[in-house]
Amino acid sequence: MSTKRRSYEKGHKRKYLVVIDDTEECDRAVHWATKRASRTKSVVMMLRVIETGERNQQWLGVADIMQAEAMEAAKAALDKYADRVKAVADVKVERVIREGSTPEEIVKLIEEDADIGILVLAAGTAKEGPGPLVTSISKTAGTFPIPLAIVPGQLSDEDIDASS
């Protein structure tokens, strides 16, 4: 069951959800979402997912250290892209860090926050295809709870500015 979107109701503001990862094309999604948010007086919500691995009881101390390092790396990535957003436009930025499977955490966050109106992803430019996240999400796009915007990874800032 999908949560009713509330982004246009009084006291609510539409959010563009962008997944922050380590791909080159991530910047394209951030730039497009920022330009759209600026033009529509919306918010950019950045999500960084820390993939959880197997936690062996014997190695729990090492796993805790690895988790702390992953959390610091996630915060640094969100800081980097928050600076990028501020360089592009004056829009509000929200940051979310989750642990788990990226596609699952995206859906959970959308279900929890009724102000999220669009998921913005960027497609990779490699011969292998648009990237694992776009491929994964596109398989269920027909049943997705909100619209999905896929920004071509080869677009320049100027191309995005002219089309967003």
N, C-alpha and C. Protein backbone atom coordinates (compact mmCIF):
# COMPACT_ATOMS: atom_id res chain seq x y z
N MET A 1 0.84 -1.18 0.00
CA MET A 1 0.00 0.00 0.00
C MET A 1 0.88 1.24 0.00
N SER A 2 0.61 2.17 -0.85
CA SER A 2 1.43 3.36 -0.98
C SER A 2 0.91 4.48 -0.09
N THR A 3 1.86 5.22 0.48
CA THR A 3 1.52 6.37 1.31
C THR A 3 1.06 7.51 0.41
N LYS A 4 -0.02 8.19 0.82
CA LYS A 4 -0.52 9.32 0.06
C LYS A 4 0.53 10.44 0.10
N ARG A 5 0.87 10.96 -1.05
CA ARG A 5 1.81 12.08 -1.15
C ARG A 5 1.16 13.34 -0.61
N ARG A 6 1.89 14.11 0.17
CA ARG A 6 1.32 15.30 0.82
C ARG A 6 2.09 16.57 0.47
N SER A 7 3.01 16.49 -0.46
CA SER A 7 3.94 17.60 -0.70
C SER A 7 3.28 18.90 -1.13
N TYR A 8 2.05 18.86 -1.60
CA TYR A 8 1.40 20.10 -2.01
C TYR A 8 0.37 20.59 -0.99
N GLU A 9 0.24 19.89 0.12
CA GLU A 9 -0.68 20.32 1.16
C GLU A 9 -0.04 21.41 2.01
N LYS A 10 -0.87 22.18 2.68
CA LYS A 10 -0.39 23.25 3.55
C LYS A 10 0.54 22.66 4.62
N GLY A 11 1.67 23.33 4.81
CA GLY A 11 2.63 22.88 5.80
C GLY A 11 3.61 21.83 5.29
N HIS A 12 3.49 21.48 4.03
CA HIS A 12 4.38 20.47 3.44
C HIS A 12 5.14 21.09 2.28
N LYS A 13 6.24 20.49 1.94
CA LYS A 13 7.06 20.95 0.82
C LYS A 13 7.57 19.75 0.04
N ARG A 14 7.45 19.81 -1.26
CA ARG A 14 7.89 18.72 -2.14
C ARG A 14 9.38 18.49 -1.99
N LYS A 15 9.76 17.21 -2.02
CA LYS A 15 11.16 16.83 -1.91
C LYS A 15 11.57 16.00 -3.12
N TYR A 16 12.75 16.33 -3.63
CA TYR A 16 13.39 15.54 -4.68
C TYR A 16 14.41 14.65 -3.97
N LEU A 17 14.21 13.35 -4.05
CA LEU A 17 15.09 12.39 -3.40
C LEU A 17 16.21 11.98 -4.36
N VAL A 18 17.45 12.16 -3.93
CA VAL A 18 18.62 11.80 -4.73
C VAL A 18 19.45 10.81 -3.92
N VAL A 19 19.81 9.70 -4.55
CA VAL A 19 20.67 8.71 -3.90
C VAL A 19 22.12 9.12 -4.13
N ILE A 20 22.85 9.28 -3.03
CA ILE A 20 24.25 9.67 -3.11
C ILE A 20 25.11 8.41 -3.05
N ASP A 21 25.83 8.18 -4.14
CA ASP A 21 26.74 7.03 -4.17
C ASP A 21 28.08 7.50 -4.72
N ASP A 22 28.93 6.57 -5.05
CA ASP A 22 30.29 6.91 -5.48
C ASP A 22 30.46 6.91 -6.99
N THR A 23 29.35 6.93 -7.73
CA THR A 23 29.45 6.93 -9.18
C THR A 23 29.70 8.33 -9.72
N GLU A 24 30.31 8.41 -10.89
CA GLU A 24 30.55 9.71 -11.53
C GLU A 24 29.25 10.44 -11.83
N GLU A 25 28.24 9.67 -12.24
CA GLU A 25 26.99 10.29 -12.67
C GLU A 25 26.14 10.81 -11.52
N CYS A 26 26.48 10.48 -10.30
CA CYS A 26 25.72 10.96 -9.14
C CYS A 26 25.60 12.48 -9.18
N ASP A 27 26.67 13.15 -9.57
CA ASP A 27 26.65 14.61 -9.65
C ASP A 27 25.59 15.12 -10.61
N ARG A 28 25.32 14.37 -11.67
CA ARG A 28 24.29 14.78 -12.64
C ARG A 28 22.91 14.77 -11.99
N ALA A 29 22.63 13.75 -11.20
CA ALA A 29 21.34 13.67 -10.49
C ALA A 29 21.21 14.81 -9.49
N VAL A 30 22.29 15.08 -8.77
CA VAL A 30 22.27 16.16 -7.77
C VAL A 30 22.02 17.51 -8.46
N HIS A 31 22.72 17.74 -9.55
CA HIS A 31 22.56 19.02 -10.26
C HIS A 31 21.14 19.19 -10.78
N TRP A 32 20.59 18.15 -11.41
CA TRP A 32 19.23 18.23 -11.95
C TRP A 32 18.22 18.45 -10.83
N ALA A 33 18.33 17.68 -9.76
CA ALA A 33 17.39 17.81 -8.64
C ALA A 33 17.48 19.20 -8.02
N THR A 34 18.67 19.72 -7.92
CA THR A 34 18.85 21.06 -7.35
C THR A 34 18.21 22.13 -8.22
N LYS A 35 18.42 22.05 -9.52
CA LYS A 35 17.80 23.04 -10.42
C LYS A 35 16.28 22.96 -10.37
N ARG A 36 15.74 21.73 -10.38
CA ARG A 36 14.28 21.56 -10.29
C ARG A 36 13.75 22.07 -8.95
N ALA A 37 14.45 21.73 -7.88
CA ALA A 37 14.01 22.17 -6.55
C ALA A 37 14.03 23.69 -6.45
N SER A 38 15.01 24.30 -7.05
CA SER A 38 15.09 25.76 -7.04
C SER A 38 13.91 26.38 -7.79
N ARG A 39 13.60 25.80 -8.93
CA ARG A 39 12.51 26.36 -9.75
C ARG A 39 11.13 26.08 -9.17
N THR A 40 10.99 25.02 -8.40
CA THR A 40 9.69 24.65 -7.85
C THR A 40 9.58 24.92 -6.35
N LYS A 41 10.59 25.63 -5.80
CA LYS A 41 10.61 25.96 -4.37
C LYS A 41 10.46 24.71 -3.51
N SER A 42 11.28 23.73 -3.83
CA SER A 42 11.23 22.43 -3.17
C SER A 42 12.52 22.18 -2.39
N VAL A 43 12.64 20.98 -1.87
CA VAL A 43 13.77 20.55 -1.05
C VAL A 43 14.51 19.43 -1.77
N VAL A 44 15.84 19.40 -1.61
CA VAL A 44 16.63 18.26 -2.10
C VAL A 44 16.93 17.38 -0.88
N MET A 45 16.48 16.14 -0.96
CA MET A 45 16.77 15.17 0.10
C MET A 45 17.80 14.20 -0.45
N MET A 46 18.93 14.12 0.25
CA MET A 46 20.01 13.23 -0.18
C MET A 46 20.03 12.00 0.72
N LEU A 47 20.06 10.83 0.09
CA LEU A 47 20.08 9.56 0.80
C LEU A 47 21.38 8.84 0.51
N ARG A 48 22.09 8.46 1.55
CA ARG A 48 23.28 7.62 1.41
C ARG A 48 23.00 6.32 2.15
N VAL A 49 23.15 5.20 1.47
CA VAL A 49 22.88 3.90 2.08
C VAL A 49 24.20 3.18 2.30
N ILE A 50 24.39 2.74 3.53
CA ILE A 50 25.54 1.92 3.87
C ILE A 50 25.11 0.47 3.73
N GLU A 51 25.72 -0.22 2.81
CA GLU A 51 25.38 -1.63 2.59
C GLU A 51 25.89 -2.44 3.77
N THR A 52 25.03 -3.22 4.39
CA THR A 52 25.42 -4.03 5.53
C THR A 52 25.86 -5.40 5.04
N GLY A 53 26.98 -5.84 5.55
CA GLY A 53 27.49 -7.16 5.19
C GLY A 53 27.15 -8.15 6.29
N GLU A 54 27.66 -9.34 6.12
CA GLU A 54 27.47 -10.37 7.15
C GLU A 54 28.26 -9.96 8.39
N ARG A 55 27.62 -10.03 9.55
CA ARG A 55 28.30 -9.71 10.79
C ARG A 55 28.54 -11.00 11.57
N ASN A 56 29.77 -11.43 11.54
CA ASN A 56 30.16 -12.64 12.26
C ASN A 56 30.43 -12.26 13.71
N GLN A 57 29.85 -12.97 14.65
CA GLN A 57 29.98 -12.66 16.07
C GLN A 57 31.45 -12.57 16.49
N GLN A 58 32.29 -13.45 15.95
CA GLN A 58 33.70 -13.47 16.30
C GLN A 58 34.40 -12.17 15.90
N TRP A 59 33.92 -11.56 14.85
CA TRP A 59 34.55 -10.36 14.31
C TRP A 59 33.74 -9.10 14.58
N LEU A 60 32.89 -9.14 15.59
CA LEU A 60 31.98 -8.02 15.85
C LEU A 60 32.72 -6.72 16.09
N GLY A 61 33.83 -6.76 16.81
CA GLY A 61 34.61 -5.54 17.05
C GLY A 61 35.10 -4.92 15.76
N VAL A 62 35.57 -5.75 14.84
CA VAL A 62 36.02 -5.26 13.54
C VAL A 62 34.84 -4.71 12.75
N ALA A 63 33.70 -5.40 12.83
CA ALA A 63 32.50 -4.94 12.11
C ALA A 63 32.06 -3.57 12.64
N ASP A 64 32.16 -3.37 13.95
CA ASP A 64 31.78 -2.07 14.53
C ASP A 64 32.69 -0.96 14.02
N ILE A 65 33.98 -1.25 13.93
CA ILE A 65 34.93 -0.26 13.42
C ILE A 65 34.62 0.04 11.95
N MET A 66 34.35 -1.02 11.19
CA MET A 66 34.02 -0.82 9.77
C MET A 66 32.74 -0.02 9.61
N GLN A 67 31.75 -0.26 10.48
CA GLN A 67 30.51 0.49 10.42
C GLN A 67 30.75 1.96 10.74
N ALA A 68 31.57 2.23 11.74
CA ALA A 68 31.89 3.62 12.10
C ALA A 68 32.60 4.32 10.95
N GLU A 69 33.52 3.62 10.30
CA GLU A 69 34.22 4.19 9.14
C GLU A 69 33.26 4.45 7.99
N ALA A 70 32.34 3.52 7.77
CA ALA A 70 31.35 3.70 6.70
C ALA A 70 30.44 4.88 7.00
N MET A 71 30.08 5.07 8.27
CA MET A 71 29.24 6.20 8.66
C MET A 71 29.97 7.52 8.42
N GLU A 72 31.26 7.58 8.76
CA GLU A 72 32.05 8.79 8.51
C GLU A 72 32.16 9.07 7.01
N ALA A 73 32.37 8.03 6.22
CA ALA A 73 32.44 8.19 4.76
C ALA A 73 31.11 8.67 4.21
N ALA A 74 30.01 8.16 4.74
CA ALA A 74 28.68 8.58 4.31
C ALA A 74 28.45 10.06 4.62
N LYS A 75 28.82 10.47 5.82
CA LYS A 75 28.68 11.89 6.20
C LYS A 75 29.52 12.78 5.30
N ALA A 76 30.74 12.34 4.99
CA ALA A 76 31.62 13.12 4.11
C ALA A 76 31.03 13.25 2.71
N ALA A 77 30.46 12.16 2.19
CA ALA A 77 29.83 12.20 0.86
C ALA A 77 28.64 13.15 0.86
N LEU A 78 27.83 13.10 1.91
CA LEU A 78 26.68 14.00 1.98
C LEU A 78 27.13 15.45 2.12
N ASP A 79 28.18 15.70 2.88
CA ASP A 79 28.72 17.06 3.01
C ASP A 79 29.20 17.58 1.65
N LYS A 80 29.90 16.72 0.92
CA LYS A 80 30.41 17.10 -0.40
C LYS A 80 29.26 17.51 -1.33
N TYR A 81 28.21 16.71 -1.36
CA TYR A 81 27.10 17.03 -2.26
C TYR A 81 26.22 18.15 -1.73
N ALA A 82 26.17 18.33 -0.42
CA ALA A 82 25.44 19.49 0.12
C ALA A 82 26.14 20.77 -0.32
N ASP A 83 27.47 20.76 -0.33
CA ASP A 83 28.22 21.91 -0.84
C ASP A 83 27.94 22.13 -2.32
N ARG A 84 27.82 21.04 -3.06
CA ARG A 84 27.52 21.13 -4.49
C ARG A 84 26.14 21.75 -4.71
N VAL A 85 25.16 21.32 -3.91
CA VAL A 85 23.82 21.88 -4.01
C VAL A 85 23.87 23.39 -3.77
N LYS A 86 24.54 23.80 -2.71
CA LYS A 86 24.62 25.23 -2.37
C LYS A 86 25.33 26.03 -3.45
N ALA A 87 26.27 25.41 -4.17
CA ALA A 87 26.96 26.10 -5.26
C ALA A 87 26.05 26.29 -6.47
N VAL A 88 25.06 25.41 -6.63
CA VAL A 88 24.16 25.47 -7.78
C VAL A 88 22.97 26.39 -7.52
N ALA A 89 22.38 26.30 -6.34
CA ALA A 89 21.18 27.10 -6.04
C ALA A 89 20.96 27.17 -4.53
N ASP A 90 20.16 28.13 -4.13
CA ASP A 90 19.84 28.30 -2.72
C ASP A 90 18.58 27.50 -2.40
N VAL A 91 18.77 26.22 -2.12
CA VAL A 91 17.65 25.36 -1.75
C VAL A 91 17.98 24.64 -0.45
N LYS A 92 16.94 24.23 0.25
CA LYS A 92 17.12 23.49 1.48
C LYS A 92 17.55 22.06 1.15
N VAL A 93 18.49 21.55 1.96
CA VAL A 93 19.00 20.20 1.78
C VAL A 93 18.72 19.40 3.04
N GLU A 94 18.19 18.20 2.86
CA GLU A 94 18.04 17.27 3.97
C GLU A 94 18.94 16.07 3.68
N ARG A 95 19.50 15.51 4.75
CA ARG A 95 20.43 14.38 4.61
C ARG A 95 19.90 13.19 5.40
N VAL A 96 19.98 12.02 4.78
CA VAL A 96 19.54 10.79 5.43
C VAL A 96 20.59 9.72 5.19
N ILE A 97 20.96 9.01 6.26
CA ILE A 97 21.86 7.87 6.13
C ILE A 97 21.10 6.65 6.63
N ARG A 98 21.10 5.61 5.82
CA ARG A 98 20.43 4.35 6.16
C ARG A 98 21.40 3.20 6.01
N GLU A 99 21.11 2.11 6.66
CA GLU A 99 21.89 0.88 6.49
C GLU A 99 20.98 -0.18 5.90
N GLY A 100 21.50 -0.91 4.92
CA GLY A 100 20.73 -1.98 4.31
C GLY A 100 20.96 -2.06 2.82
N SER A 101 19.95 -2.55 2.13
CA SER A 101 19.97 -2.66 0.68
C SER A 101 19.46 -1.35 0.10
N THR A 102 20.20 -0.77 -0.83
CA THR A 102 19.83 0.54 -1.37
C THR A 102 18.41 0.57 -1.94
N PRO A 103 18.04 -0.35 -2.83
CA PRO A 103 16.66 -0.28 -3.36
C PRO A 103 15.59 -0.40 -2.26
N GLU A 104 15.83 -1.26 -1.28
CA GLU A 104 14.86 -1.41 -0.19
C GLU A 104 14.77 -0.16 0.67
N GLU A 105 15.91 0.45 0.96
CA GLU A 105 15.92 1.65 1.80
C GLU A 105 15.29 2.84 1.08
N ILE A 106 15.43 2.89 -0.23
CA ILE A 106 14.77 3.95 -1.01
C ILE A 106 13.26 3.84 -0.84
N VAL A 107 12.73 2.66 -1.05
CA VAL A 107 11.28 2.45 -0.94
C VAL A 107 10.80 2.74 0.49
N LYS A 108 11.53 2.27 1.49
CA LYS A 108 11.15 2.53 2.88
C LYS A 108 11.08 4.03 3.17
N LEU A 109 12.10 4.77 2.72
CA LEU A 109 12.13 6.21 2.96
C LEU A 109 10.97 6.91 2.28
N ILE A 110 10.67 6.51 1.05
CA ILE A 110 9.54 7.11 0.32
C ILE A 110 8.23 6.83 1.06
N GLU A 111 8.08 5.63 1.58
CA GLU A 111 6.87 5.28 2.32
C GLU A 111 6.77 6.07 3.63
N GLU A 112 7.91 6.36 4.26
CA GLU A 112 7.92 7.06 5.54
C GLU A 112 7.72 8.56 5.39
N ASP A 113 8.15 9.14 4.28
CA ASP A 113 8.10 10.59 4.10
C ASP A 113 7.17 10.94 2.95
N ALA A 114 5.97 11.36 3.28
CA ALA A 114 4.94 11.65 2.27
C ALA A 114 5.24 12.90 1.45
N ASP A 115 6.29 13.65 1.80
CA ASP A 115 6.64 14.84 1.03
C ASP A 115 7.58 14.53 -0.14
N ILE A 116 8.12 13.33 -0.17
CA ILE A 116 8.99 12.96 -1.30
C ILE A 116 8.12 12.78 -2.52
N GLY A 117 8.40 13.58 -3.55
CA GLY A 117 7.56 13.56 -4.74
C GLY A 117 8.19 12.92 -5.96
N ILE A 118 9.53 12.92 -6.02
CA ILE A 118 10.22 12.37 -7.18
C ILE A 118 11.55 11.77 -6.73
N LEU A 119 11.86 10.59 -7.25
CA LEU A 119 13.16 9.99 -7.06
C LEU A 119 14.00 10.34 -8.28
N VAL A 120 15.19 10.90 -8.04
CA VAL A 120 16.07 11.31 -9.13
C VAL A 120 17.31 10.44 -9.13
N LEU A 121 17.55 9.76 -10.25
CA LEU A 121 18.74 8.94 -10.44
C LEU A 121 19.44 9.39 -11.72
N ALA A 122 20.71 9.09 -11.82
CA ALA A 122 21.43 9.38 -13.07
C ALA A 122 21.90 8.07 -13.66
N ALA A 123 21.77 7.97 -14.97
CA ALA A 123 22.19 6.76 -15.68
C ALA A 123 23.67 6.86 -16.02
N GLY A 124 24.36 5.76 -15.82
CA GLY A 124 25.77 5.70 -16.18
C GLY A 124 25.93 5.70 -17.69
N THR A 125 27.13 5.98 -18.12
CA THR A 125 27.39 6.07 -19.56
C THR A 125 28.22 4.89 -20.06
N ALA A 126 28.48 3.92 -19.21
CA ALA A 126 29.30 2.76 -19.60
C ALA A 126 28.54 1.83 -20.54
N LYS A 127 29.29 1.03 -21.28
CA LYS A 127 28.70 0.09 -22.22
C LYS A 127 27.86 -0.97 -21.52
N GLU A 128 28.17 -1.24 -20.24
CA GLU A 128 27.47 -2.28 -19.49
C GLU A 128 26.01 -1.93 -19.19
N GLY A 129 25.64 -0.67 -19.35
CA GLY A 129 24.27 -0.27 -19.09
C GLY A 129 24.21 0.94 -18.18
N PRO A 130 23.02 1.28 -17.72
CA PRO A 130 22.81 2.52 -16.97
C PRO A 130 23.31 2.48 -15.53
N GLY A 131 23.76 1.33 -15.06
CA GLY A 131 24.23 1.20 -13.68
C GLY A 131 23.31 0.29 -12.89
N PRO A 132 23.83 -0.30 -11.82
CA PRO A 132 23.05 -1.28 -11.06
C PRO A 132 21.80 -0.71 -10.39
N LEU A 133 21.88 0.50 -9.89
CA LEU A 133 20.72 1.07 -9.21
C LEU A 133 19.60 1.39 -10.19
N VAL A 134 19.93 2.03 -11.28
CA VAL A 134 18.91 2.34 -12.30
C VAL A 134 18.32 1.04 -12.84
N THR A 135 19.15 0.05 -13.08
CA THR A 135 18.67 -1.24 -13.59
C THR A 135 17.72 -1.88 -12.58
N SER A 136 18.12 -1.88 -11.31
CA SER A 136 17.29 -2.49 -10.26
C SER A 136 15.95 -1.78 -10.11
N ILE A 137 15.98 -0.46 -10.03
CA ILE A 137 14.75 0.32 -9.84
C ILE A 137 13.85 0.23 -11.06
N SER A 138 14.45 0.23 -12.25
CA SER A 138 13.63 0.22 -13.47
C SER A 138 12.83 -1.07 -13.62
N LYS A 139 13.30 -2.15 -13.00
CA LYS A 139 12.56 -3.42 -13.07
C LYS A 139 11.21 -3.33 -12.36
N THR A 140 11.10 -2.44 -11.38
CA THR A 140 9.84 -2.29 -10.63
C THR A 140 9.22 -0.92 -10.84
N ALA A 141 9.71 -0.18 -11.82
CA ALA A 141 9.25 1.19 -12.04
C ALA A 141 7.74 1.28 -12.24
N GLY A 142 7.15 0.27 -12.84
CA GLY A 142 5.71 0.28 -13.09
C GLY A 142 4.87 0.25 -11.83
N THR A 143 5.46 -0.21 -10.73
CA THR A 143 4.72 -0.27 -9.46
C THR A 143 5.31 0.67 -8.43
N PHE A 144 6.23 1.54 -8.85
CA PHE A 144 6.89 2.44 -7.93
C PHE A 144 5.90 3.46 -7.37
N PRO A 145 6.05 3.86 -6.10
CA PRO A 145 5.06 4.74 -5.47
C PRO A 145 5.11 6.21 -5.89
N ILE A 146 6.18 6.63 -6.56
CA ILE A 146 6.31 8.02 -7.02
C ILE A 146 6.97 8.03 -8.40
N PRO A 147 6.90 9.16 -9.12
CA PRO A 147 7.61 9.25 -10.40
C PRO A 147 9.12 9.12 -10.22
N LEU A 148 9.75 8.62 -11.25
CA LEU A 148 11.18 8.42 -11.26
C LEU A 148 11.77 9.25 -12.39
N ALA A 149 12.77 10.09 -12.07
CA ALA A 149 13.46 10.87 -13.09
C ALA A 149 14.85 10.28 -13.27
N ILE A 150 15.21 9.93 -14.49
CA ILE A 150 16.53 9.39 -14.77
C ILE A 150 17.26 10.40 -15.66
N VAL A 151 18.35 10.95 -15.13
CA VAL A 151 19.12 11.97 -15.81
C VAL A 151 20.26 11.28 -16.57
N PRO A 152 20.38 11.51 -17.88
CA PRO A 152 21.49 10.91 -18.62
C PRO A 152 22.83 11.38 -18.05
N GLY A 153 23.72 10.45 -17.83
CA GLY A 153 24.99 10.75 -17.19
C GLY A 153 25.93 11.62 -17.99
N GLN A 154 25.74 11.72 -19.28
CA GLN A 154 26.67 12.51 -20.10
C GLN A 154 26.26 13.98 -20.21
N LEU A 155 25.12 14.37 -19.66
CA LEU A 155 24.69 15.77 -19.78
C LEU A 155 25.60 16.70 -18.99
N SER A 156 25.91 17.85 -19.58
CA SER A 156 26.71 18.87 -18.90
C SER A 156 25.80 19.70 -17.99
N ASP A 157 26.40 20.51 -17.14
CA ASP A 157 25.62 21.43 -16.31
C ASP A 157 24.73 22.31 -17.19
N GLU A 158 25.29 22.79 -18.29
CA GLU A 158 24.54 23.67 -19.18
C GLU A 158 23.36 22.95 -19.81
N ASP A 159 23.56 21.69 -20.20
CA ASP A 159 22.46 20.89 -20.77
C ASP A 159 21.35 20.73 -19.73
N ILE A 160 21.74 20.42 -18.50
CA ILE A 160 20.76 20.24 -17.44
C ILE A 160 20.04 21.55 -17.15
N ASP A 161 20.78 22.63 -17.07
CA ASP A 161 20.17 23.94 -16.78
C ASP A 161 19.14 24.30 -17.85
N ALA A 162 19.41 23.96 -19.10
CA ALA A 162 18.51 24.30 -20.19
C ALA A 162 17.27 23.44 -20.21
N SER A 163 17.32 22.26 -19.58
CA SER A 163 16.18 21.34 -19.67
C SER A 163 15.43 21.15 -18.36
N SER A 164 15.92 21.70 -17.27
CA SER A 164 15.26 21.42 -16.00
C SER A 164 14.38 22.54 -15.60
